[in-house]
Amino acid sequence: MECVERTVAGRLREAMGSRSVKSVAKAAGVQPFTLRQLREGRKRGGTVETLRAVAEALGVSPGWLAFGEGAREREVVRGDG
């Protein structure tokens, strides 16, 4: 499926849905201010670590969140045992 959102801010808003900035920021271990800046498009991109943490908290692929590439949902790697 092709990503419709063309910006990190748009993909972040899409992935967050109705979740609050405060709850997602807490789950990702980032400051609400930073997340709000990203969501509103005031901060382009973000550090790799920040985007990876936010993607993990939202259950989406870091590549999708950062670049709009690949599947939105994060792949789940299962162990052998």
N, C-alpha and C. Protein backbone atom coordinates (compact mmCIF):
# COMPACT_ATOMS: atom_id res chain seq x y z
N MET A 1 0.84 -1.18 0.00
CA MET A 1 0.00 0.00 0.00
C MET A 1 0.89 1.24 0.00
N GLU A 2 0.59 2.16 -0.87
CA GLU A 2 1.37 3.39 -0.98
C GLU A 2 0.98 4.37 0.13
N CYS A 3 1.97 5.04 0.66
CA CYS A 3 1.73 6.02 1.71
C CYS A 3 1.18 7.30 1.10
N VAL A 4 0.06 7.77 1.64
CA VAL A 4 -0.57 8.98 1.15
C VAL A 4 0.08 10.21 1.77
N GLU A 5 0.43 10.14 3.03
CA GLU A 5 1.04 11.27 3.72
C GLU A 5 2.45 11.49 3.22
N ARG A 6 2.79 12.74 2.92
CA ARG A 6 4.09 13.05 2.32
C ARG A 6 5.10 13.59 3.33
N THR A 7 4.69 13.85 4.55
CA THR A 7 5.61 14.42 5.53
C THR A 7 5.63 13.58 6.80
N VAL A 8 6.70 13.74 7.56
CA VAL A 8 6.78 13.07 8.86
C VAL A 8 5.60 13.52 9.72
N ALA A 9 5.30 14.82 9.70
CA ALA A 9 4.20 15.35 10.51
C ALA A 9 2.88 14.69 10.15
N GLY A 10 2.61 14.54 8.87
CA GLY A 10 1.36 13.92 8.43
C GLY A 10 1.28 12.46 8.82
N ARG A 11 2.39 11.73 8.64
CA ARG A 11 2.40 10.31 9.02
C ARG A 11 2.28 10.16 10.53
N LEU A 12 2.89 11.06 11.27
CA LEU A 12 2.80 11.01 12.72
C LEU A 12 1.38 11.25 13.19
N ARG A 13 0.72 12.26 12.61
CA ARG A 13 -0.69 12.51 12.96
C ARG A 13 -1.56 11.30 12.62
N GLU A 14 -1.32 10.70 11.47
CA GLU A 14 -2.08 9.52 11.06
C GLU A 14 -1.88 8.38 12.04
N ALA A 15 -0.64 8.11 12.41
CA ALA A 15 -0.33 7.00 13.31
C ALA A 15 -0.85 7.24 14.73
N MET A 16 -0.82 8.50 15.17
CA MET A 16 -1.28 8.81 16.52
C MET A 16 -2.79 8.70 16.65
N GLY A 17 -3.51 8.99 15.59
CA GLY A 17 -4.97 8.94 15.66
C GLY A 17 -5.47 9.84 16.77
N SER A 18 -6.23 9.28 17.69
CA SER A 18 -6.79 10.08 18.78
C SER A 18 -5.93 10.06 20.04
N ARG A 19 -4.77 9.41 19.98
CA ARG A 19 -3.89 9.37 21.16
C ARG A 19 -3.30 10.74 21.43
N SER A 20 -3.13 11.05 22.68
CA SER A 20 -2.61 12.36 23.06
C SER A 20 -1.09 12.42 22.89
N VAL A 21 -0.61 13.64 22.69
CA VAL A 21 0.84 13.87 22.61
C VAL A 21 1.50 13.38 23.89
N LYS A 22 0.91 13.71 25.02
CA LYS A 22 1.49 13.35 26.31
C LYS A 22 1.64 11.84 26.47
N SER A 23 0.60 11.08 26.09
CA SER A 23 0.66 9.62 26.27
C SER A 23 1.66 8.98 25.32
N VAL A 24 1.73 9.44 24.08
CA VAL A 24 2.68 8.88 23.11
C VAL A 24 4.10 9.26 23.51
N ALA A 25 4.29 10.51 23.91
CA ALA A 25 5.62 10.96 24.33
C ALA A 25 6.11 10.13 25.52
N LYS A 26 5.24 9.88 26.47
CA LYS A 26 5.62 9.09 27.64
C LYS A 26 6.00 7.67 27.23
N ALA A 27 5.20 7.06 26.36
CA ALA A 27 5.48 5.69 25.90
C ALA A 27 6.79 5.62 25.12
N ALA A 28 7.10 6.69 24.40
CA ALA A 28 8.33 6.72 23.57
C ALA A 28 9.54 7.19 24.35
N GLY A 29 9.32 7.79 25.52
CA GLY A 29 10.45 8.30 26.30
C GLY A 29 11.02 9.58 25.73
N VAL A 30 10.16 10.40 25.10
CA VAL A 30 10.60 11.69 24.56
C VAL A 30 9.79 12.80 25.22
N GLN A 31 10.26 14.00 25.10
CA GLN A 31 9.57 15.15 25.66
C GLN A 31 8.31 15.46 24.83
N PRO A 32 7.20 15.77 25.48
CA PRO A 32 5.99 16.15 24.74
C PRO A 32 6.23 17.32 23.79
N PHE A 33 7.08 18.27 24.20
CA PHE A 33 7.38 19.42 23.34
C PHE A 33 7.98 18.95 22.01
N THR A 34 8.91 18.01 22.08
CA THR A 34 9.57 17.48 20.88
C THR A 34 8.55 16.80 19.97
N LEU A 35 7.71 15.97 20.55
CA LEU A 35 6.69 15.27 19.77
C LEU A 35 5.70 16.25 19.15
N ARG A 36 5.31 17.24 19.91
CA ARG A 36 4.38 18.26 19.40
C ARG A 36 5.00 19.01 18.22
N GLN A 37 6.28 19.35 18.34
CA GLN A 37 6.98 20.04 17.25
C GLN A 37 6.99 19.18 15.98
N LEU A 38 7.26 17.89 16.14
CA LEU A 38 7.27 16.98 14.99
C LEU A 38 5.87 16.87 14.38
N ARG A 39 4.87 16.71 15.23
CA ARG A 39 3.50 16.52 14.75
C ARG A 39 2.97 17.75 14.03
N GLU A 40 3.39 18.91 14.47
CA GLU A 40 2.91 20.15 13.85
C GLU A 40 3.78 20.59 12.68
N GLY A 41 4.83 19.84 12.38
CA GLY A 41 5.68 20.16 11.24
C GLY A 41 6.64 21.30 11.49
N ARG A 42 6.81 21.67 12.75
CA ARG A 42 7.73 22.76 13.09
C ARG A 42 9.17 22.28 13.16
N LYS A 43 9.32 20.98 13.31
CA LYS A 43 10.65 20.38 13.40
C LYS A 43 10.71 19.33 12.30
N ARG A 44 11.62 19.51 11.37
CA ARG A 44 11.72 18.55 10.27
C ARG A 44 12.44 17.30 10.73
N GLY A 45 11.83 16.19 10.42
CA GLY A 45 12.46 14.91 10.75
C GLY A 45 12.58 14.70 12.23
N GLY A 46 13.75 14.72 12.72
CA GLY A 46 14.01 14.41 14.12
C GLY A 46 15.19 13.47 14.13
N THR A 47 15.73 13.22 15.28
CA THR A 47 16.86 12.31 15.33
C THR A 47 16.39 10.89 15.05
N VAL A 48 17.29 10.08 14.60
CA VAL A 48 16.97 8.68 14.32
C VAL A 48 16.43 8.01 15.58
N GLU A 49 17.06 8.30 16.71
CA GLU A 49 16.64 7.69 17.96
C GLU A 49 15.21 8.10 18.34
N THR A 50 14.91 9.39 18.16
CA THR A 50 13.56 9.89 18.49
C THR A 50 12.52 9.24 17.60
N LEU A 51 12.77 9.23 16.29
CA LEU A 51 11.80 8.64 15.37
C LEU A 51 11.63 7.15 15.61
N ARG A 52 12.71 6.46 15.92
CA ARG A 52 12.62 5.02 16.20
C ARG A 52 11.79 4.78 17.46
N ALA A 53 12.02 5.58 18.50
CA ALA A 53 11.28 5.40 19.75
C ALA A 53 9.79 5.70 19.56
N VAL A 54 9.48 6.76 18.81
CA VAL A 54 8.09 7.11 18.56
C VAL A 54 7.41 6.04 17.72
N ALA A 55 8.11 5.57 16.69
CA ALA A 55 7.55 4.51 15.84
C ALA A 55 7.25 3.26 16.66
N GLU A 56 8.17 2.89 17.54
CA GLU A 56 7.96 1.71 18.38
C GLU A 56 6.75 1.91 19.29
N ALA A 57 6.64 3.09 19.88
CA ALA A 57 5.51 3.37 20.78
C ALA A 57 4.17 3.31 20.03
N LEU A 58 4.20 3.66 18.76
CA LEU A 58 2.96 3.67 17.96
C LEU A 58 2.73 2.36 17.21
N GLY A 59 3.72 1.46 17.24
CA GLY A 59 3.57 0.18 16.55
C GLY A 59 3.67 0.29 15.04
N VAL A 60 4.43 1.29 14.57
CA VAL A 60 4.62 1.45 13.13
C VAL A 60 6.09 1.28 12.78
N SER A 61 6.35 1.09 11.51
CA SER A 61 7.71 0.92 11.03
C SER A 61 8.46 2.25 11.09
N PRO A 62 9.69 2.25 11.61
CA PRO A 62 10.48 3.48 11.61
C PRO A 62 10.71 4.03 10.20
N GLY A 63 10.91 3.14 9.22
CA GLY A 63 11.10 3.58 7.84
C GLY A 63 9.87 4.27 7.27
N TRP A 64 8.70 3.74 7.63
CA TRP A 64 7.46 4.36 7.17
C TRP A 64 7.29 5.74 7.81
N LEU A 65 7.53 5.82 9.11
CA LEU A 65 7.36 7.10 9.81
C LEU A 65 8.34 8.15 9.29
N ALA A 66 9.59 7.77 9.13
CA ALA A 66 10.62 8.72 8.73
C ALA A 66 10.55 9.10 7.25
N PHE A 67 10.28 8.10 6.39
CA PHE A 67 10.39 8.34 4.95
C PHE A 67 9.14 8.02 4.13
N GLY A 68 8.15 7.40 4.76
CA GLY A 68 6.95 7.01 4.02
C GLY A 68 7.20 5.80 3.14
N GLU A 69 8.22 5.02 3.48
CA GLU A 69 8.59 3.86 2.67
C GLU A 69 8.26 2.57 3.41
N GLY A 70 7.89 1.57 2.63
CA GLY A 70 7.61 0.26 3.21
C GLY A 70 6.24 0.22 3.86
N ALA A 71 6.00 -0.88 4.55
CA ALA A 71 4.72 -1.09 5.22
C ALA A 71 4.61 -0.20 6.45
N ARG A 72 3.42 0.25 6.73
CA ARG A 72 3.19 1.09 7.90
C ARG A 72 3.42 0.29 9.19
N GLU A 73 2.85 -0.90 9.25
CA GLU A 73 2.95 -1.70 10.47
C GLU A 73 4.36 -2.25 10.62
N ARG A 74 4.81 -2.25 11.84
CA ARG A 74 6.14 -2.75 12.15
C ARG A 74 6.14 -4.27 12.05
N GLU A 75 7.20 -4.83 11.46
CA GLU A 75 7.32 -6.28 11.37
C GLU A 75 7.61 -6.83 12.76
N VAL A 76 6.94 -7.91 13.08
CA VAL A 76 7.18 -8.58 14.35
C VAL A 76 8.09 -9.77 14.07
N VAL A 77 9.25 -9.76 14.71
CA VAL A 77 10.20 -10.85 14.55
C VAL A 77 9.99 -11.80 15.72
N ARG A 78 9.72 -13.04 15.37
CA ARG A 78 9.46 -14.04 16.41
C ARG A 78 10.70 -14.91 16.60
N GLY A 79 10.96 -15.24 17.84
CA GLY A 79 12.10 -16.11 18.16
C GLY A 79 11.79 -17.56 17.83
N ASP A 80 12.79 -18.38 17.87
CA ASP A 80 12.62 -19.81 17.57
C ASP A 80 11.94 -20.55 18.70
N GLY A 81 12.00 -20.01 19.90
CA GLY A 81 11.48 -20.79 21.01
C GLY A 81 10.50 -20.06 21.75
